[in-house]
Amino acid sequence: MENKFIVNSFESITNPLGDIYKIINHNSKNYIGFQELYITSIKKNKIKAWKNHLLMQSNLIVIKGKVKFVFVINDNNFETITISELDHQYLTIFPKTIFGFQCIDSPVSKIMNFSNLLHDKNESINYDIQKYKYDW
């Protein structure tokens, strides 16, 4: 089975005035170009599901809070990964991967997406949350 997503670590540089986090650059393994950088927020216990980008590769970084990401492997199988702002990790999500996410900590979590395409509502498919029977 091909990978639907990869968990990547990123470098942190300790500085007494405030740390520096080097997330991704043109030499990074999963870098395939840059078109847009945006932040989405999600309220505690709320769910945003299900999304399927047909062409876009997303690099998702939790910059505030803690988020559970759920990936549809097939109609009855799922894979999950939880990432917080403290983990120094980000997710690379490949095109044609169905996923959703839920804020599981703090009043609001924020996720930054460093993507290879500009947002285009015709580039993705949004499925009703009831389409896949995941027990959030």
Protein backbone atom coordinates (compact mmCIF):
# COMPACT_ATOMS: atom_id res chain seq x y z
CA MET A 1 0.00 0.00 0.00
CA GLU A 2 1.28 3.46 -0.83
CA ASN A 3 1.80 6.01 1.94
CA LYS A 4 -1.14 8.31 2.60
CA PHE A 5 0.80 10.47 5.01
CA ILE A 6 4.19 10.80 6.69
CA VAL A 7 5.00 12.23 10.12
CA ASN A 8 8.07 14.47 9.87
CA SER A 9 10.19 15.97 12.63
CA PHE A 10 11.47 19.49 12.46
CA GLU A 11 14.46 21.20 13.99
CA SER A 12 14.25 23.51 16.96
CA ILE A 13 17.05 25.86 17.88
CA THR A 14 17.12 26.93 21.50
CA ASN A 15 17.53 30.65 22.04
CA PRO A 16 17.31 32.37 25.44
CA LEU A 17 15.11 35.07 23.90
CA GLY A 18 12.77 32.56 22.20
CA ASP A 19 13.30 29.38 20.24
CA ILE A 20 13.46 29.07 16.46
CA TYR A 21 11.65 26.28 14.58
CA LYS A 22 12.90 25.28 11.13
CA ILE A 23 9.97 23.44 9.57
CA ILE A 24 10.50 22.98 5.82
CA ASN A 25 12.66 24.40 3.05
CA HIS A 26 13.48 23.63 -0.58
CA ASN A 27 15.95 20.92 0.53
CA SER A 28 13.40 19.06 2.68
CA LYS A 29 12.56 15.49 1.63
CA ASN A 30 8.83 16.17 1.16
CA TYR A 31 9.12 19.64 -0.36
CA ILE A 32 7.49 19.74 -3.81
CA GLY A 33 7.00 23.45 -4.23
CA PHE A 34 5.07 26.18 -2.48
CA GLN A 35 1.94 28.02 -3.53
CA GLU A 36 0.08 28.88 -0.34
CA LEU A 37 0.46 29.11 3.41
CA TYR A 38 -2.66 29.38 5.54
CA ILE A 39 -3.91 28.69 9.06
CA THR A 40 -7.15 26.97 9.95
CA SER A 41 -8.60 26.92 13.44
CA ILE A 42 -10.82 24.36 15.09
CA LYS A 43 -12.69 24.59 18.37
CA LYS A 44 -12.32 22.05 21.18
CA ASN A 45 -14.09 18.72 20.48
CA LYS A 46 -15.20 19.92 17.02
CA ILE A 47 -14.48 17.83 13.95
CA LYS A 48 -13.62 18.81 10.39
CA ALA A 49 -14.08 15.73 8.20
CA TRP A 50 -13.85 14.34 5.55
CA LYS A 51 -11.53 16.03 3.01
CA ASN A 52 -9.87 14.54 -0.05
CA HIS A 53 -7.45 16.74 -1.98
CA LEU A 54 -7.09 15.38 -5.49
CA LEU A 55 -3.83 17.17 -6.39
CA MET A 56 -2.68 19.12 -3.34
CA GLN A 57 0.06 17.91 -1.05
CA SER A 58 -0.39 19.44 2.39
CA ASN A 59 2.18 19.91 5.13
CA LEU A 60 0.20 20.44 8.34
CA ILE A 61 1.82 21.91 11.43
CA VAL A 62 -0.11 22.24 14.70
CA ILE A 63 0.94 25.65 15.93
CA LYS A 64 -1.50 25.83 18.85
CA GLY A 65 -3.17 23.11 20.88
CA LYS A 66 -3.45 19.38 20.17
CA VAL A 67 -5.14 17.77 17.18
CA LYS A 68 -6.09 14.19 16.33
CA PHE A 69 -5.82 13.45 12.61
CA VAL A 70 -7.76 10.48 11.22
CA PHE A 71 -7.00 8.88 7.84
CA VAL A 72 -9.38 6.62 5.96
CA ILE A 73 -7.48 3.51 4.87
CA ASN A 74 -10.63 1.90 3.49
CA ASP A 75 -14.32 2.05 4.40
CA ASN A 76 -13.80 0.24 7.72
CA ASN A 77 -10.15 0.91 8.61
CA PHE A 78 -8.62 4.09 9.90
CA GLU A 79 -5.24 5.29 11.05
CA THR A 80 -4.78 8.09 13.57
CA ILE A 81 -1.97 10.36 14.67
CA THR A 82 -2.14 13.01 17.37
CA ILE A 83 0.14 16.03 17.18
CA SER A 84 0.49 18.95 19.55
CA GLU A 85 2.35 22.21 19.26
CA LEU A 86 5.01 20.73 21.57
CA ASP A 87 5.84 17.68 19.42
CA HIS A 88 8.06 19.36 16.80
CA GLN A 89 6.40 17.32 14.08
CA TYR A 90 4.33 18.00 11.01
CA LEU A 91 2.28 15.83 8.68
CA THR A 92 2.82 15.52 4.97
CA ILE A 93 -0.49 14.41 3.48
CA PHE A 94 -0.34 13.15 -0.07
CA PRO A 95 -3.05 13.76 -2.70
CA LYS A 96 -6.02 11.39 -2.81
CA THR A 97 -5.94 10.82 0.94
CA ILE A 98 -9.22 11.11 2.83
CA PHE A 99 -8.76 12.62 6.26
CA GLY A 100 -10.36 14.60 9.04
CA PHE A 101 -9.26 16.13 12.31
CA GLN A 102 -10.49 17.05 15.76
CA CYS A 103 -9.27 19.55 18.36
CA ILE A 104 -8.72 17.55 21.54
CA ASP A 105 -7.07 20.16 23.75
CA SER A 106 -7.38 23.87 24.52
CA PRO A 107 -10.37 26.02 23.54
CA VAL A 108 -9.06 26.39 19.98
CA SER A 109 -6.30 24.63 18.06
CA LYS A 110 -4.60 26.13 15.02
CA ILE A 111 -3.10 24.26 12.10
CA MET A 112 -0.84 25.81 9.49
CA ASN A 113 -0.86 24.32 5.98
CA PHE A 114 2.14 24.80 3.72
CA SER A 115 0.76 23.51 0.40
CA ASN A 116 2.02 23.04 -3.12
CA LEU A 117 -1.17 24.47 -4.70
CA LEU A 118 -3.39 27.48 -4.22
CA HIS A 119 -6.75 26.69 -2.65
CA ASP A 120 -9.29 25.72 -5.29
CA LYS A 121 -12.71 24.43 -4.23
CA ASN A 122 -12.81 22.25 -7.37
CA GLU A 123 -9.53 20.53 -6.45
CA SER A 124 -10.92 18.70 -3.41
CA ILE A 125 -13.90 16.60 -2.41
CA ASN A 126 -15.67 17.15 0.89
CA TYR A 127 -17.56 14.13 2.19
CA ASP A 128 -20.29 14.21 4.83
CA ILE A 129 -18.97 13.21 8.25
CA GLN A 130 -21.39 10.26 8.26
CA LYS A 131 -19.85 8.72 5.11
CA TYR A 132 -17.17 6.92 7.14
CA LYS A 133 -18.11 5.32 10.46
CA TYR A 134 -15.27 6.49 12.67
CA ASP A 135 -15.96 6.79 16.41
CA TRP A 136 -14.56 10.19 17.21
